[in-house]
Amino acid sequence: MSKAQIFTTSLVFTLLLFIVVLGIGMKMWDYLSLTYDDAETTRELELLSVTSCDLLVSTPGSPHNWSVDGVDFFGLSSGNNVIDPLKLELFNNASSTNYSFVREKLDIEGYDFSYRLVNGSEVVYSYNWSFDFSRELSKAERIVIFNGEPMIFELVVRK
C-alpha cells in the first residue's frame, strides 16, 4: 500500500511541477510576442513616416503640376527640398477636405498623420497637429526651403 501512495505523491508532484513550468513558459511566450509586436509596429511607423516625409519634401508629386483631382501621389517640392507654396496650400486643403484620399495617396491608409512647417518657434503651416501622445507614433523631420527661408517640415504618423 505504501508503494501506491509514493507513486501517487510522486505523480502529483510531477504534474504540479509540469503545470507550473508550462504556466511560466506561456507567460514568457506572451510577453515576448507582445514585445515583438510592439517593436514591429514601431519599425513600421518609422518607415511610413520617413518614406512619406521624403516623398512630400523631395518630389514634386505625380504628375509634376498635380491638382487634387488628378494626383497619383503627393509631392510638395519645386526642387530639392524646396517647398512650393501653391502645392503646400493645395495639400493642406486636400488634407482638410478629403483626409482618407490623402492617406491613400501617401500609402498610409489605416494610420493617422499630422504635419507642420516650422520657422524657428513660429508654426507657418499646420494640419491636425494636436494629438494623443499615448498612441504609438513616429515623427520625421526634414530641413526645407519655403519662400526663400530654411524651415523644418515635420510629419507624424500614428496608429
Protein backbone atom coordinates (compact mmCIF):
# COMPACT_ATOMS: atom_id res chain seq x y z
CA MET A 1 0.00 0.00 0.00
CA SER A 2 2.85 2.41 0.70
CA LYS A 3 4.21 1.98 -2.83
CA ALA A 4 0.93 3.20 -4.29
CA GLN A 5 0.98 6.24 -2.03
CA ILE A 6 4.56 7.10 -3.04
CA PHE A 7 3.63 6.69 -6.70
CA THR A 8 0.60 8.95 -6.26
CA THR A 9 2.56 11.58 -4.34
CA SER A 10 5.33 11.47 -6.92
CA LEU A 11 2.83 11.74 -9.79
CA VAL A 12 1.01 14.66 -8.16
CA PHE A 13 4.31 16.48 -7.51
CA THR A 14 5.47 15.89 -11.11
CA LEU A 15 2.17 17.07 -12.58
CA LEU A 16 2.20 20.15 -10.36
CA LEU A 17 5.77 20.95 -11.41
CA PHE A 18 4.85 20.43 -15.08
CA ILE A 19 1.87 22.79 -14.77
CA VAL A 20 3.99 25.48 -13.08
CA VAL A 21 6.71 25.23 -15.74
CA LEU A 22 4.09 25.27 -18.51
CA GLY A 23 2.43 28.35 -16.97
CA ILE A 24 5.74 30.21 -16.72
CA GLY A 25 6.57 29.26 -20.31
CA MET A 26 3.22 30.50 -21.57
CA LYS A 27 3.61 33.80 -19.69
CA MET A 28 7.10 34.30 -21.14
CA TRP A 29 5.83 33.48 -24.66
CA ASP A 30 3.02 36.02 -24.28
CA TYR A 31 5.45 38.70 -23.09
CA LEU A 32 7.91 38.03 -25.93
CA SER A 33 5.15 38.03 -28.51
CA LEU A 34 3.81 41.40 -27.28
CA THR A 35 7.33 42.85 -27.23
CA TYR A 36 7.91 41.66 -30.78
CA ASP A 37 4.57 43.10 -31.94
CA ASP A 38 5.41 46.48 -30.36
CA ALA A 39 8.83 46.53 -31.99
CA GLU A 40 7.32 45.60 -35.36
CA THR A 41 4.71 48.37 -35.08
CA THR A 42 7.42 50.89 -34.15
CA ARG A 43 9.53 49.89 -37.17
CA GLU A 44 6.51 50.11 -39.45
CA LEU A 45 5.56 53.58 -38.17
CA GLU A 46 9.15 54.80 -38.57
CA LEU A 47 9.30 53.51 -42.13
CA LEU A 48 5.96 55.11 -43.02
CA SER A 49 6.83 58.49 -41.51
CA VAL A 50 10.30 58.68 -43.10
CA THR A 51 9.09 57.48 -46.51
CA SER A 52 6.06 59.80 -46.56
CA CYS A 53 8.10 62.78 -45.38
CA ASP A 54 10.76 62.16 -48.03
CA LEU A 55 8.11 61.74 -50.70
CA LEU A 56 6.47 65.04 -49.77
CA VAL A 57 9.56 67.25 -49.47
CA SER A 58 11.83 65.70 -52.11
CA THR A 59 9.47 65.16 -55.03
CA PRO A 60 7.09 67.37 -56.99
CA GLY A 61 4.47 64.62 -56.96
CA SER A 62 2.93 62.94 -59.92
CA PRO A 63 2.12 64.50 -62.26
CA HIS A 64 4.50 67.44 -61.65
CA ASN A 65 1.73 70.01 -61.80
CA TRP A 66 -0.82 67.91 -59.95
CA SER A 67 -4.25 69.00 -58.91
CA VAL A 68 -6.15 67.22 -56.18
CA ASP A 69 -8.46 65.58 -58.74
CA GLY A 70 -5.64 64.16 -60.88
CA VAL A 71 -2.89 63.32 -58.41
CA ASP A 72 -1.13 59.95 -58.47
CA PHE A 73 0.96 60.79 -55.42
CA PHE A 74 1.53 63.99 -53.49
CA GLY A 75 4.79 65.90 -53.54
CA LEU A 76 5.33 69.45 -52.35
CA SER A 77 8.72 70.17 -53.87
CA SER A 78 9.59 72.51 -56.71
CA GLY A 79 13.24 71.48 -56.34
CA ASN A 80 15.37 69.51 -53.91
CA ASN A 81 13.67 70.16 -50.54
CA VAL A 82 12.24 73.47 -51.82
CA ILE A 83 8.55 73.59 -50.89
CA ASP A 84 6.19 75.06 -53.48
CA PRO A 85 3.73 77.36 -51.60
CA LEU A 86 0.87 76.57 -54.02
CA LYS A 87 1.34 72.79 -53.63
CA LEU A 88 1.51 73.14 -49.85
CA GLU A 89 -1.74 75.11 -49.88
CA LEU A 90 -3.41 72.51 -52.13
CA PHE A 91 -2.12 69.67 -49.95
CA ASN A 92 -3.33 71.44 -46.80
CA ASN A 93 -6.79 71.93 -48.32
CA ALA A 94 -6.92 68.32 -49.56
CA SER A 95 -5.92 67.05 -46.10
CA SER A 96 -8.71 69.09 -44.54
CA THR A 97 -11.43 68.16 -47.01
CA ASN A 98 -10.55 64.61 -48.07
CA TYR A 99 -8.35 63.09 -45.38
CA SER A 100 -8.86 59.44 -46.39
CA PHE A 101 -7.94 60.23 -50.02
CA VAL A 102 -4.71 61.91 -48.92
CA ARG A 103 -3.83 58.93 -46.68
CA GLU A 104 -4.43 56.60 -49.62
CA LYS A 105 -2.15 58.64 -51.91
CA LEU A 106 0.56 58.77 -49.22
CA ASP A 107 0.17 54.99 -48.84
CA ILE A 108 -0.56 55.26 -45.11
CA GLU A 109 -4.13 54.01 -45.05
CA GLY A 110 -5.10 52.79 -41.60
CA TYR A 111 -2.86 55.37 -39.91
CA ASP A 112 -3.36 58.98 -38.93
CA PHE A 113 -0.95 61.73 -39.89
CA SER A 114 -0.14 65.29 -38.94
CA TYR A 115 2.33 67.76 -40.34
CA ARG A 116 3.61 71.22 -39.79
CA LEU A 117 6.11 73.65 -41.23
CA VAL A 118 8.11 75.46 -38.58
CA ASN A 119 10.33 78.54 -38.84
CA GLY A 120 12.17 78.69 -35.51
CA SER A 121 9.40 78.85 -32.95
CA GLU A 122 6.76 80.07 -35.43
CA VAL A 123 4.43 77.50 -36.99
CA VAL A 124 3.91 78.55 -40.62
CA TYR A 125 1.60 75.69 -41.66
CA SER A 126 -0.01 73.03 -39.55
CA TYR A 127 -2.51 70.25 -40.06
CA ASN A 128 -4.02 68.09 -37.30
CA TRP A 129 -1.03 68.77 -35.02
CA SER A 130 -2.77 68.34 -31.63
CA PHE A 131 -2.83 64.61 -30.99
CA ASP A 132 -2.84 61.98 -28.30
CA PHE A 133 0.73 61.13 -27.29
CA SER A 134 -0.43 57.92 -25.60
CA ARG A 135 -0.84 56.39 -29.06
CA GLU A 136 2.14 54.95 -30.88
CA LEU A 137 3.67 57.46 -33.25
CA SER A 138 6.75 58.23 -35.30
CA LYS A 139 7.98 61.66 -36.33
CA ALA A 140 10.18 62.54 -39.31
CA GLU A 141 11.75 65.96 -39.80
CA ARG A 142 13.38 67.46 -42.88
CA ILE A 143 15.05 70.81 -43.43
CA VAL A 144 13.35 72.57 -46.34
CA ILE A 145 13.31 75.93 -48.06
CA PHE A 146 9.97 77.73 -48.06
CA ASN A 147 9.61 81.22 -49.54
CA GLY A 148 13.42 81.51 -49.59
CA GLU A 149 13.87 80.69 -45.90
CA PRO A 150 15.12 77.50 -44.27
CA MET A 151 12.44 75.81 -42.20
CA ILE A 152 11.66 72.40 -40.72
CA PHE A 153 8.93 70.19 -42.14
CA GLU A 154 7.67 67.69 -39.55
CA LEU A 155 5.44 64.73 -40.30
CA VAL A 156 3.95 62.45 -37.65
CA VAL A 157 2.36 59.10 -38.46
CA ARG A 158 0.45 57.41 -35.66
CA LYS A 159 -1.54 54.27 -35.13
